[in-house]
Structure formats: structure tokens, C-alpha cells
Amino acid sequence: MYLGTIVSFCLMLTPATASAQDPRDDSLVCMFDAGVEQYVQMHRRLERLVPPPIITPDPFRLFVSRVGLAEEIRRERSFAKQGDIFSPDIAAMFRQIVERTLRADRVNWAVFLDEDGMTLPIEVDVNGPYPAGGPVSTMSPTLLRALPRLPPELQYRFVNMHLILWDVHAGLIVDYVPDVFRRTTTP
């Protein structure tokens, strides 16, 4: 389905409901969901073109499917950039959701930094791989409930100060919210 049609339909059906208590805006969530759906439809179409994953002790053959899918997605999304899914308005909403949820959970954002209080030297790029050797952060159940649900191909992760949308089958960063944690954020 055409993304503009999905977004228009969402905007007609869902009035904005963000409040002082709830930073979620239904129209922004709907636009985010439409961008995710468009990506996932492309992902599923391309996944059918690559050999299925196989169980083998050979590490090269183990990742042939993943590497092939990543190459196909990069080719199809060669012009993808940060903000294609997390538009500025959607990113602002996600920052509010993360900040309020972590504050309510009394989670200090500093736990996502190294021991010197600095971010790890890891680059985050759209269509780039999940940083090799980088930590795979866990997401609190409360935060996952607060964020829009994702299809099984995608997951949220924190890398440095960013919230990324990660394609777990292809090992690619689909998009990210830069600086989801602000230095002024306190629990």
C-alpha cells in the first residue's frame, strides 16, 4: 500500500492524544507505524530472494543469508537517511517517551555510558551494520510497552546516546533517534 495513503488514512482516523501525562501522539504513532510497515514489506519481499539461513559450524556459511539480505536492502534503500522513519516530530515524541518512562522506572541514563561517563566510540549509520563488538543493550519491559510495537523483524536498541531501529535478520540499522538521552535528563 502506498505510504501517503496510509498516513492520510491514519490522520483522518486518529486525533492527537498527547497530554502532559502521555507524550504519545496517535497521528505520529500512525505515521511511524506506516514507515515501519513500508520497510517491513520491502524486507519480506527481499528476504524471499536470498537463500534461507542454515545451521552449520562454518561461520561463513552461517551468515550468507544475513549478508545477502543486508546487501539487497542496502541496494534498495541506497538513498535512505536518518529521519526517514524517525522524522523530527516522531523523534521528539520518542525522546519524551524514553525520558518519561526511564524517569518513572528510576533508570539513570548514565548506565548507557562507559565508566568515564562518555559514550562508546561506536558509529551509527542508516543502512550500516549493528556495531561489531558493540554491546547489545536490553530494553526494559516498561519501555517496550510504552513504545510502539514492532514486527518480529525489527527491534529497538540503544547505541551510545541513540535509540536505533534494528533489522535483526539483516543486522542493519534501519533508522535512529539521535541523542535520545540528553545530558540534562535525570531520573
C-alpha atoms as a PDB file:
ATOM      1  CA  MET A   1       0.000   0.000   0.000  1.00  0.00           C
ATOM      2  CA  TYR A   2       1.227   3.494  -0.786  1.00  0.00           C
ATOM      3  CA  LEU A   3       2.714   5.249   2.277  1.00  0.00           C
ATOM      4  CA  GLY A   4       0.904   8.548   1.628  1.00  0.00           C
ATOM      5  CA  THR A   5      -2.434   6.750   1.612  1.00  0.00           C
ATOM      6  CA  ILE A   6      -1.654   5.020   4.894  1.00  0.00           C
ATOM      7  CA  VAL A   7      -0.578   8.272   6.535  1.00  0.00           C
ATOM      8  CA  SER A   8      -3.623  10.170   5.240  1.00  0.00           C
ATOM      9  CA  PHE A   9      -5.926   7.436   6.473  1.00  0.00           C
ATOM     10  CA  CYS A  10      -4.221   7.440   9.898  1.00  0.00           C
ATOM     11  CA  LEU A  11      -4.502  11.196  10.214  1.00  0.00           C
ATOM     12  CA  MET A  12      -8.229  11.093   9.434  1.00  0.00           C
ATOM     13  CA  LEU A  13      -8.938   8.357  11.972  1.00  0.00           C
ATOM     14  CA  THR A  14      -6.752   9.273  14.927  1.00  0.00           C
ATOM     15  CA  PRO A  15      -6.796  12.672  16.591  1.00  0.00           C
ATOM     16  CA  ALA A  16      -3.677  13.663  18.510  1.00  0.00           C
ATOM     17  CA  THR A  17      -3.913  12.492  22.094  1.00  0.00           C
ATOM     18  CA  ALA A  18      -0.635  13.632  23.618  1.00  0.00           C
ATOM     19  CA  SER A  19      -1.108  15.085  27.043  1.00  0.00           C
ATOM     20  CA  ALA A  20       1.004  16.189  29.946  1.00  0.00           C
ATOM     21  CA  GLN A  21       0.807  12.596  31.211  1.00  0.00           C
ATOM     22  CA  ASP A  22       1.172  10.768  27.885  1.00  0.00           C
ATOM     23  CA  PRO A  23       3.642  12.000  25.255  1.00  0.00           C
ATOM     24  CA  ARG A  24       2.210   9.637  22.613  1.00  0.00           C
ATOM     25  CA  ASP A  25       0.526  11.372  19.709  1.00  0.00           C
ATOM     26  CA  ASP A  26      -1.691   8.913  17.818  1.00  0.00           C
ATOM     27  CA  SER A  27      -1.125  10.593  14.449  1.00  0.00           C
ATOM     28  CA  LEU A  28       2.678  10.428  14.908  1.00  0.00           C
ATOM     29  CA  VAL A  29       2.473   6.806  16.054  1.00  0.00           C
ATOM     30  CA  CYS A  30       0.403   6.037  12.976  1.00  0.00           C
ATOM     31  CA  MET A  31       2.964   7.728  10.698  1.00  0.00           C
ATOM     32  CA  PHE A  32       5.759   5.796  12.428  1.00  0.00           C
ATOM     33  CA  ASP A  33       3.817   2.540  12.004  1.00  0.00           C
ATOM     34  CA  ALA A  34       3.298   3.324   8.304  1.00  0.00           C
ATOM     35  CA  GLY A  35       7.043   3.859   7.794  1.00  0.00           C
ATOM     36  CA  VAL A  36       7.818   0.637   9.650  1.00  0.00           C
ATOM     37  CA  GLU A  37       5.215  -1.263   7.618  1.00  0.00           C
ATOM     38  CA  GLN A  38       6.652   0.044   4.352  1.00  0.00           C
ATOM     39  CA  TYR A  39      10.144  -1.065   5.416  1.00  0.00           C
ATOM     40  CA  VAL A  40       8.974  -4.495   6.600  1.00  0.00           C
ATOM     41  CA  GLN A  41       7.092  -5.168   3.347  1.00  0.00           C
ATOM     42  CA  MET A  42      10.302  -4.424   1.421  1.00  0.00           C
ATOM     43  CA  HIS A  43      12.310  -6.564   3.879  1.00  0.00           C
ATOM     44  CA  ARG A  44       9.970  -9.549   3.459  1.00  0.00           C
ATOM     45  CA  ARG A  45       9.981  -9.249  -0.333  1.00  0.00           C
ATOM     46  CA  LEU A  46      13.794  -9.168  -0.439  1.00  0.00           C
ATOM     47  CA  GLU A  47      14.159 -11.921   2.160  1.00  0.00           C
ATOM     48  CA  ARG A  48      12.416 -14.307  -0.256  1.00  0.00           C
ATOM     49  CA  LEU A  49      15.221 -13.639  -2.795  1.00  0.00           C
ATOM     50  CA  VAL A  50      18.106 -14.797  -0.614  1.00  0.00           C
ATOM     51  CA  PRO A  51      18.910 -18.357   0.471  1.00  0.00           C
ATOM     52  CA  PRO A  52      17.348 -19.297   3.814  1.00  0.00           C
ATOM     53  CA  PRO A  53      19.596 -19.434   6.870  1.00  0.00           C
ATOM     54  CA  ILE A  54      21.207 -22.803   7.526  1.00  0.00           C
ATOM     55  CA  ILE A  55      22.613 -24.419  10.646  1.00  0.00           C
ATOM     56  CA  THR A  56      26.289 -25.166  10.114  1.00  0.00           C
ATOM     57  CA  PRO A  57      29.545 -24.998  12.068  1.00  0.00           C
ATOM     58  CA  ASP A  58      31.080 -22.978   9.192  1.00  0.00           C
ATOM     59  CA  PRO A  59      30.793 -19.318  10.300  1.00  0.00           C
ATOM     60  CA  PHE A  60      30.975 -18.040   6.716  1.00  0.00           C
ATOM     61  CA  ARG A  61      28.065 -20.182   5.522  1.00  0.00           C
ATOM     62  CA  LEU A  62      26.138 -19.390   8.712  1.00  0.00           C
ATOM     63  CA  PHE A  63      25.880 -15.711   7.759  1.00  0.00           C
ATOM     64  CA  VAL A  64      25.453 -15.988   3.962  1.00  0.00           C
ATOM     65  CA  SER A  65      21.715 -15.379   4.211  1.00  0.00           C
ATOM     66  CA  ARG A  66      22.117 -12.406   6.560  1.00  0.00           C
ATOM     67  CA  VAL A  67      24.830 -10.786   4.438  1.00  0.00           C
ATOM     68  CA  GLY A  68      22.800 -11.353   1.255  1.00  0.00           C
ATOM     69  CA  LEU A  69      19.699  -9.784   2.773  1.00  0.00           C
ATOM     70  CA  ALA A  70      21.716  -6.817   4.046  1.00  0.00           C
ATOM     71  CA  GLU A  71      23.167  -6.255   0.556  1.00  0.00           C
ATOM     72  CA  GLU A  72      19.722  -6.388  -1.074  1.00  0.00           C
ATOM     73  CA  ILE A  73      18.260  -3.953   1.466  1.00  0.00           C
ATOM     74  CA  ARG A  74      21.196  -1.541   1.062  1.00  0.00           C
ATOM     75  CA  ARG A  75      20.747  -1.663  -2.705  1.00  0.00           C
ATOM     76  CA  GLU A  76      17.007  -0.956  -2.460  1.00  0.00           C
ATOM     77  CA  ARG A  77      17.460   1.754   0.203  1.00  0.00           C
ATOM     78  CA  SER A  78      20.600   3.318  -1.236  1.00  0.00           C
ATOM     79  CA  PHE A  79      19.259   6.824  -0.561  1.00  0.00           C
ATOM     80  CA  ALA A  80      17.979   6.096   2.962  1.00  0.00           C
ATOM     81  CA  LYS A  81      18.950   8.629   5.601  1.00  0.00           C
ATOM     82  CA  GLN A  82      18.406   9.320   9.259  1.00  0.00           C
ATOM     83  CA  GLY A  83      14.886  10.609   9.769  1.00  0.00           C
ATOM     84  CA  ASP A  84      13.180   8.622   7.022  1.00  0.00           C
ATOM     85  CA  ILE A  85      11.173   6.730   9.658  1.00  0.00           C
ATOM     86  CA  PHE A  86      12.010   8.779  12.760  1.00  0.00           C
ATOM     87  CA  SER A  87      11.007  12.173  11.344  1.00  0.00           C
ATOM     88  CA  PRO A  88      11.864  15.146  13.594  1.00  0.00           C
ATOM     89  CA  ASP A  89       8.359  15.160  15.138  1.00  0.00           C
ATOM     90  CA  ILE A  90       8.358  11.382  15.654  1.00  0.00           C
ATOM     91  CA  ALA A  91      11.877  11.537  17.119  1.00  0.00           C
ATOM     92  CA  ALA A  92      10.766  14.252  19.572  1.00  0.00           C
ATOM     93  CA  MET A  93       7.860  12.064  20.677  1.00  0.00           C
ATOM     94  CA  PHE A  94      10.205   9.070  21.157  1.00  0.00           C
ATOM     95  CA  ARG A  95      12.601  11.198  23.226  1.00  0.00           C
ATOM     96  CA  GLN A  96       9.710  12.184  25.500  1.00  0.00           C
ATOM     97  CA  ILE A  97       8.520   8.588  25.823  1.00  0.00           C
ATOM     98  CA  VAL A  98      12.018   7.336  26.668  1.00  0.00           C
ATOM     99  CA  GLU A  99      12.713  10.134  29.131  1.00  0.00           C
ATOM    100  CA  ARG A 100       9.398   9.822  30.969  1.00  0.00           C
ATOM    101  CA  THR A 101       9.470   6.045  31.055  1.00  0.00           C
ATOM    102  CA  LEU A 102      13.038   5.826  32.327  1.00  0.00           C
ATOM    103  CA  ARG A 103      12.322   8.559  34.869  1.00  0.00           C
ATOM    104  CA  ALA A 104       9.235   6.671  36.084  1.00  0.00           C
ATOM    105  CA  ASP A 105      11.315   3.467  36.259  1.00  0.00           C
ATOM    106  CA  ARG A 106      14.046   5.448  38.033  1.00  0.00           C
ATOM    107  CA  VAL A 107      16.618   4.329  35.491  1.00  0.00           C
ATOM    108  CA  ASN A 108      19.611   6.615  35.210  1.00  0.00           C
ATOM    109  CA  TRP A 109      20.557   7.246  31.577  1.00  0.00           C
ATOM    110  CA  ALA A 110      24.218   7.126  32.646  1.00  0.00           C
ATOM    111  CA  VAL A 111      24.001   3.314  32.697  1.00  0.00           C
ATOM    112  CA  PHE A 112      24.215   3.512  28.902  1.00  0.00           C
ATOM    113  CA  LEU A 113      27.605   5.271  29.051  1.00  0.00           C
ATOM    114  CA  ASP A 114      31.036   3.830  29.779  1.00  0.00           C
ATOM    115  CA  GLU A 115      32.712   4.189  33.161  1.00  0.00           C
ATOM    116  CA  ASP A 116      34.118   7.652  32.341  1.00  0.00           C
ATOM    117  CA  GLY A 117      30.626   8.977  31.614  1.00  0.00           C
ATOM    118  CA  MET A 118      31.341   9.117  27.898  1.00  0.00           C
ATOM    119  CA  THR A 119      29.683   7.298  25.047  1.00  0.00           C
ATOM    120  CA  LEU A 120      31.485   4.382  23.472  1.00  0.00           C
ATOM    121  CA  PRO A 121      33.306   5.110  20.195  1.00  0.00           C
ATOM    122  CA  ILE A 122      30.667   3.395  18.049  1.00  0.00           C
ATOM    123  CA  GLU A 123      29.389   4.837  14.787  1.00  0.00           C
ATOM    124  CA  VAL A 124      25.691   4.639  13.978  1.00  0.00           C
ATOM    125  CA  ASP A 125      24.649   4.914  10.322  1.00  0.00           C
ATOM    126  CA  VAL A 126      21.414   4.172   8.481  1.00  0.00           C
ATOM    127  CA  ASN A 127      21.936   1.001   6.417  1.00  0.00           C
ATOM    128  CA  GLY A 128      25.079   0.370   8.443  1.00  0.00           C
ATOM    129  CA  PRO A 129      25.644  -2.820  10.390  1.00  0.00           C
ATOM    130  CA  TYR A 130      24.935  -3.098  14.074  1.00  0.00           C
ATOM    131  CA  PRO A 131      28.295  -2.092  15.548  1.00  0.00           C
ATOM    132  CA  ALA A 132      30.572  -5.144  15.613  1.00  0.00           C
ATOM    133  CA  GLY A 133      31.682  -5.832  19.142  1.00  0.00           C
ATOM    134  CA  GLY A 134      29.262  -3.249  20.479  1.00  0.00           C
ATOM    135  CA  PRO A 135      27.086  -4.131  23.431  1.00  0.00           C
ATOM    136  CA  VAL A 136      23.577  -5.318  22.649  1.00  0.00           C
ATOM    137  CA  SER A 137      21.512  -3.343  25.122  1.00  0.00           C
ATOM    138  CA  THR A 138      18.469  -4.817  26.741  1.00  0.00           C
ATOM    139  CA  MET A 139      15.264  -2.832  26.746  1.00  0.00           C
ATOM    140  CA  SER A 140      13.217  -2.550  29.897  1.00  0.00           C
ATOM    141  CA  PRO A 141       9.782  -4.183  29.613  1.00  0.00           C
ATOM    142  CA  THR A 142       8.191  -0.919  30.743  1.00  0.00           C
ATOM    143  CA  LEU A 143       9.902   0.973  27.941  1.00  0.00           C
ATOM    144  CA  LEU A 144       8.945  -1.648  25.354  1.00  0.00           C
ATOM    145  CA  ARG A 145       5.294  -1.330  26.455  1.00  0.00           C
ATOM    146  CA  ALA A 146       5.491   2.471  26.121  1.00  0.00           C
ATOM    147  CA  LEU A 147       6.993   2.436  22.626  1.00  0.00           C
ATOM    148  CA  PRO A 148       5.020   1.477  19.508  1.00  0.00           C
ATOM    149  CA  ARG A 149       5.063  -2.280  18.894  1.00  0.00           C
ATOM    150  CA  LEU A 150       7.353  -3.618  16.204  1.00  0.00           C
ATOM    151  CA  PRO A 151       7.070  -6.600  13.856  1.00  0.00           C
ATOM    152  CA  PRO A 152       9.440  -9.516  14.600  1.00  0.00           C
ATOM    153  CA  GLU A 153      11.996  -8.373  12.012  1.00  0.00           C
ATOM    154  CA  LEU A 154      12.751  -5.189  13.972  1.00  0.00           C
ATOM    155  CA  GLN A 155      13.875  -4.303  17.478  1.00  0.00           C
ATOM    156  CA  TYR A 156      14.675  -1.161  19.427  1.00  0.00           C
ATOM    157  CA  ARG A 157      18.177  -0.874  20.889  1.00  0.00           C
ATOM    158  CA  PHE A 158      20.287   1.827  22.499  1.00  0.00           C
ATOM    159  CA  VAL A 159      23.692   2.529  20.991  1.00  0.00           C
ATOM    160  CA  ASN A 160      25.531   5.358  22.705  1.00  0.00           C
ATOM    161  CA  MET A 161      23.027   8.171  23.155  1.00  0.00           C
ATOM    162  CA  HIS A 162      20.852   6.973  20.259  1.00  0.00           C
ATOM    163  CA  LEU A 163      17.747   4.809  20.015  1.00  0.00           C
ATOM    164  CA  ILE A 164      18.096   2.651  16.927  1.00  0.00           C
ATOM    165  CA  LEU A 165      15.608   0.666  14.900  1.00  0.00           C
ATOM    166  CA  TRP A 166      17.493  -2.560  14.171  1.00  0.00           C
ATOM    167  CA  ASP A 167      16.677  -5.119  11.483  1.00  0.00           C
ATOM    168  CA  VAL A 168      17.704  -8.258  13.346  1.00  0.00           C
ATOM    169  CA  HIS A 169      17.545 -10.539  10.291  1.00  0.00           C
ATOM    170  CA  ALA A 170      19.804  -8.346   8.154  1.00  0.00           C
ATOM    171  CA  GLY A 171      21.852  -6.917  11.019  1.00  0.00           C
ATOM    172  CA  LEU A 172      21.222  -3.372   9.742  1.00  0.00           C
ATOM    173  CA  ILE A 173      20.333  -0.104  11.372  1.00  0.00           C
ATOM    174  CA  VAL A 174      17.108   0.991   9.669  1.00  0.00           C
ATOM    175  CA  ASP A 175      16.913   4.443  11.302  1.00  0.00           C
ATOM    176  CA  TYR A 176      17.703   6.055  14.627  1.00  0.00           C
ATOM    177  CA  VAL A 177      16.733   8.827  17.001  1.00  0.00           C
ATOM    178  CA  PRO A 178      19.915  10.788  17.651  1.00  0.00           C
ATOM    179  CA  ASP A 179      20.629  11.895  21.191  1.00  0.00           C
ATOM    180  CA  VAL A 180      17.608  10.222  22.763  1.00  0.00           C
ATOM    181  CA  PHE A 181      19.338  10.842  26.094  1.00  0.00           C
ATOM    182  CA  ARG A 182      20.131  14.425  26.940  1.00  0.00           C
ATOM    183  CA  ARG A 183      22.791  15.362  29.458  1.00  0.00           C
ATOM    184  CA  THR A 184      20.048  17.181  31.379  1.00  0.00           C
ATOM    185  CA  THR A 185      17.945  14.031  31.750  1.00  0.00           C
ATOM    186  CA  THR A 186      17.775  12.951  35.380  1.00  0.00           C
ATOM    187  CA  PRO A 187      15.913  10.069  36.983  1.00  0.00           C
END
